[in-house]
Amino acid sequence: MKRGFSMIELIFVIVILGILASVALPKLAATRDDASASGIKSDVGTITQAVPALYMSQKVPSITQAVPSLNINSWLITSQYQVDTKIQTTTSAINSPCITINIVEGNTTSPSNAAIATMRWTAAGDPNGANNFPYPWLMVQIDGETKTGACDVLYNMGIRDQNVTMQGFSIVW
């Protein structure tokens, strides 16, 4: 009696394992991107609620004080006024973060978008809508043009550019 497997049987098993691996590995990579993006989306929601709450209670505009437990594996903390995702978009030779969150002082030029100089805000009860906005606000910017990997997942999850006052209202101009 012969013991063991023939060469044909071993090749069949190797081919089947290769097919299974080629199907499973991309699914695992996509799951990792989804998990990372889900954590970042949760962090964005936490920041857009915690920073205005801290400002309203203590008049301190600070991301790091409002959310001291920010995941340093997902976020690069530039200063107490700015955080960037560590997930980068790659276009040509330029790497930029998928999401940047800034605290912008009222009536000043944004550090990351010079087009937003002095914002006009329509206050309730101001029919002319000509009030300069004197308070700092939170600016969330997502790179919506170059979507790759987890950046694409974030964009598809509905994260968009947004501006939130320190009173918790969305700003539209």
Protein backbone atom coordinates (compact mmCIF):
# COMPACT_ATOMS: atom_id res chain seq x y z
CA MET A 1 0.00 0.00 0.00
CA LYS A 2 1.21 3.42 -0.98
CA ARG A 3 1.27 6.20 1.63
CA GLY A 4 1.24 9.97 1.01
CA PHE A 5 -0.12 12.25 -1.68
CA SER A 6 0.70 12.30 -5.35
CA MET A 7 2.21 15.40 -6.97
CA ILE A 8 -1.08 16.16 -8.80
CA GLU A 9 -3.02 16.18 -5.52
CA LEU A 10 -0.51 18.54 -3.90
CA ILE A 11 -0.64 20.91 -6.88
CA PHE A 12 -4.45 20.91 -6.75
CA VAL A 13 -4.39 21.88 -3.06
CA ILE A 14 -1.85 24.66 -3.67
CA VAL A 15 -3.92 26.08 -6.55
CA ILE A 16 -7.09 26.04 -4.44
CA LEU A 17 -5.29 27.77 -1.55
CA GLY A 18 -3.94 30.39 -3.97
CA ILE A 19 -7.43 31.12 -5.32
CA LEU A 20 -8.81 31.46 -1.79
CA ALA A 21 -5.97 33.80 -0.79
CA SER A 22 -6.45 35.99 -3.86
CA VAL A 23 -10.11 36.48 -2.90
CA ALA A 24 -9.62 36.91 0.86
CA LEU A 25 -6.66 39.33 1.04
CA PRO A 26 -8.32 42.29 -0.75
CA LYS A 27 -11.37 41.86 1.49
CA LEU A 28 -9.17 42.02 4.59
CA ALA A 29 -7.43 45.19 3.36
CA ALA A 30 -10.80 46.85 2.67
CA THR A 31 -12.01 45.89 6.14
CA ARG A 32 -8.94 47.54 7.68
CA ASP A 33 -9.60 50.77 5.70
CA ASP A 34 -13.26 50.69 6.78
CA ALA A 35 -12.30 50.29 10.44
CA SER A 36 -9.78 53.13 10.27
CA ALA A 37 -12.25 55.41 8.47
CA SER A 38 -14.99 54.59 10.96
CA GLY A 39 -12.74 55.62 13.86
CA ILE A 40 -11.81 58.86 12.10
CA LYS A 41 -15.45 59.65 11.33
CA SER A 42 -16.26 59.14 15.00
CA ASP A 43 -13.36 61.42 15.99
CA VAL A 44 -14.58 64.17 13.61
CA GLY A 45 -18.03 64.02 15.22
CA THR A 46 -16.51 64.14 18.70
CA ILE A 47 -14.29 67.11 17.81
CA THR A 48 -17.14 69.09 16.22
CA GLN A 49 -19.17 68.67 19.41
CA ALA A 50 -16.49 68.83 22.13
CA VAL A 51 -14.57 71.91 20.94
CA PRO A 52 -17.65 74.20 20.91
CA ALA A 53 -18.73 72.77 24.28
CA LEU A 54 -15.31 73.56 25.79
CA TYR A 55 -15.40 77.05 24.29
CA MET A 56 -18.91 77.73 25.62
CA SER A 57 -18.01 76.59 29.14
CA GLN A 58 -14.45 77.94 29.49
CA LYS A 59 -13.87 80.25 26.48
CA VAL A 60 -10.89 78.08 25.48
CA PRO A 61 -10.67 77.23 21.75
CA SER A 62 -8.52 74.10 21.85
CA ILE A 63 -8.86 70.75 20.10
CA THR A 64 -6.36 68.97 22.34
CA GLN A 65 -8.02 70.14 25.56
CA ALA A 66 -11.51 69.33 24.28
CA VAL A 67 -10.54 65.83 23.10
CA PRO A 68 -7.47 64.77 25.12
CA SER A 69 -7.96 61.11 24.16
CA LEU A 70 -7.59 61.73 20.40
CA ASN A 71 -6.13 58.61 18.77
CA ILE A 72 -2.52 59.48 17.92
CA ASN A 73 -2.37 56.51 15.53
CA SER A 74 -4.95 58.23 13.31
CA TRP A 75 -4.25 61.93 13.92
CA LEU A 76 -1.19 64.17 13.65
CA ILE A 77 -1.57 66.90 16.26
CA THR A 78 0.05 69.97 14.70
CA SER A 79 -0.96 72.32 17.53
CA GLN A 80 -3.84 72.75 19.92
CA TYR A 81 -5.59 74.55 17.05
CA GLN A 82 -5.00 72.03 14.23
CA VAL A 83 -5.07 68.28 13.70
CA ASP A 84 -4.58 66.31 10.46
CA THR A 85 -5.31 62.71 9.63
CA LYS A 86 -2.26 60.51 9.27
CA ILE A 87 -3.98 58.94 6.27
CA GLN A 88 -2.52 60.76 3.30
CA THR A 89 -3.75 61.35 -0.21
CA THR A 90 -1.07 60.78 -2.78
CA THR A 91 -1.23 62.74 -6.01
CA SER A 92 1.86 63.04 -8.16
CA ALA A 93 4.55 63.67 -5.55
CA ILE A 94 2.38 65.57 -3.08
CA ASN A 95 1.13 64.01 0.14
CA SER A 96 -1.59 65.81 2.02
CA PRO A 97 -3.87 64.71 4.85
CA CYS A 98 -7.34 63.43 4.01
CA ILE A 99 -8.89 65.62 6.71
CA THR A 100 -7.61 68.78 8.36
CA ILE A 101 -9.42 70.35 11.30
CA ASN A 102 -8.54 73.93 12.27
CA ILE A 103 -9.78 76.42 14.80
CA VAL A 104 -9.96 79.73 12.96
CA GLU A 105 -10.12 83.04 14.80
CA GLY A 106 -13.09 85.23 13.98
CA ASN A 107 -12.57 88.05 11.47
CA THR A 108 -9.18 86.70 10.39
CA THR A 109 -7.81 84.78 7.45
CA SER A 110 -7.89 81.03 7.85
CA PRO A 111 -4.45 79.45 8.14
CA SER A 112 -5.31 76.89 5.47
CA ASN A 113 -7.69 78.71 3.16
CA ALA A 114 -6.87 82.33 2.33
CA ALA A 115 -10.14 82.66 0.41
CA ILE A 116 -12.01 82.69 3.71
CA ALA A 117 -10.96 86.09 4.95
CA THR A 118 -13.74 87.84 6.82
CA MET A 119 -16.81 85.72 7.05
CA ARG A 120 -20.26 87.24 6.98
CA TRP A 121 -22.82 85.51 9.12
CA THR A 122 -26.55 86.01 9.10
CA ALA A 123 -27.49 86.23 12.74
CA ALA A 124 -31.02 85.58 13.87
CA GLY A 125 -32.64 88.98 13.97
CA ASP A 126 -30.13 90.60 11.61
CA PRO A 127 -32.08 91.15 8.39
CA ASN A 128 -29.06 92.55 6.53
CA GLY A 129 -26.80 89.62 7.31
CA ALA A 130 -23.85 91.99 7.48
CA ASN A 131 -22.40 91.08 10.85
CA ASN A 132 -18.75 90.16 10.95
CA PHE A 133 -18.44 86.89 12.80
CA PRO A 134 -16.38 87.79 15.89
CA TYR A 135 -15.97 84.30 17.38
CA PRO A 136 -13.55 81.55 16.45
CA TRP A 137 -14.99 78.67 14.46
CA LEU A 138 -14.04 75.11 13.67
CA MET A 139 -13.18 74.30 10.05
CA VAL A 140 -13.22 70.67 8.88
CA GLN A 141 -11.70 70.20 5.42
CA ILE A 142 -11.63 66.91 3.50
CA ASP A 143 -9.69 66.36 0.32
CA GLY A 144 -12.62 65.41 -1.89
CA GLU A 145 -10.72 65.46 -5.17
CA THR A 146 -8.15 62.73 -4.73
CA LYS A 147 -9.87 59.85 -3.02
CA THR A 148 -7.68 56.81 -2.41
CA GLY A 149 -8.03 53.95 0.07
CA ALA A 150 -9.35 55.09 3.43
CA CYS A 151 -9.80 58.65 2.08
CA ASP A 152 -12.29 57.29 -0.42
CA VAL A 153 -14.06 55.40 2.36
CA LEU A 154 -14.27 58.60 4.45
CA TYR A 155 -15.71 60.54 1.54
CA ASN A 156 -18.25 57.79 0.85
CA MET A 157 -19.23 57.80 4.54
CA GLY A 158 -20.49 61.33 4.03
CA ILE A 159 -17.74 63.38 5.64
CA ARG A 160 -17.68 66.75 3.89
CA ASP A 161 -16.18 70.17 4.46
CA GLN A 162 -17.96 71.85 7.31
CA ASN A 163 -17.64 74.91 9.48
CA VAL A 164 -19.04 74.99 12.99
CA THR A 165 -19.33 78.00 15.27
CA MET A 166 -18.19 77.76 18.85
CA GLN A 167 -21.89 77.97 19.70
CA GLY A 168 -22.39 74.67 17.83
CA PHE A 169 -24.16 76.05 14.73
CA SER A 170 -23.19 75.22 11.16
CA ILE A 171 -21.90 78.13 9.11
CA VAL A 172 -23.06 78.57 5.54
CA TRP A 173 -21.80 81.32 3.27
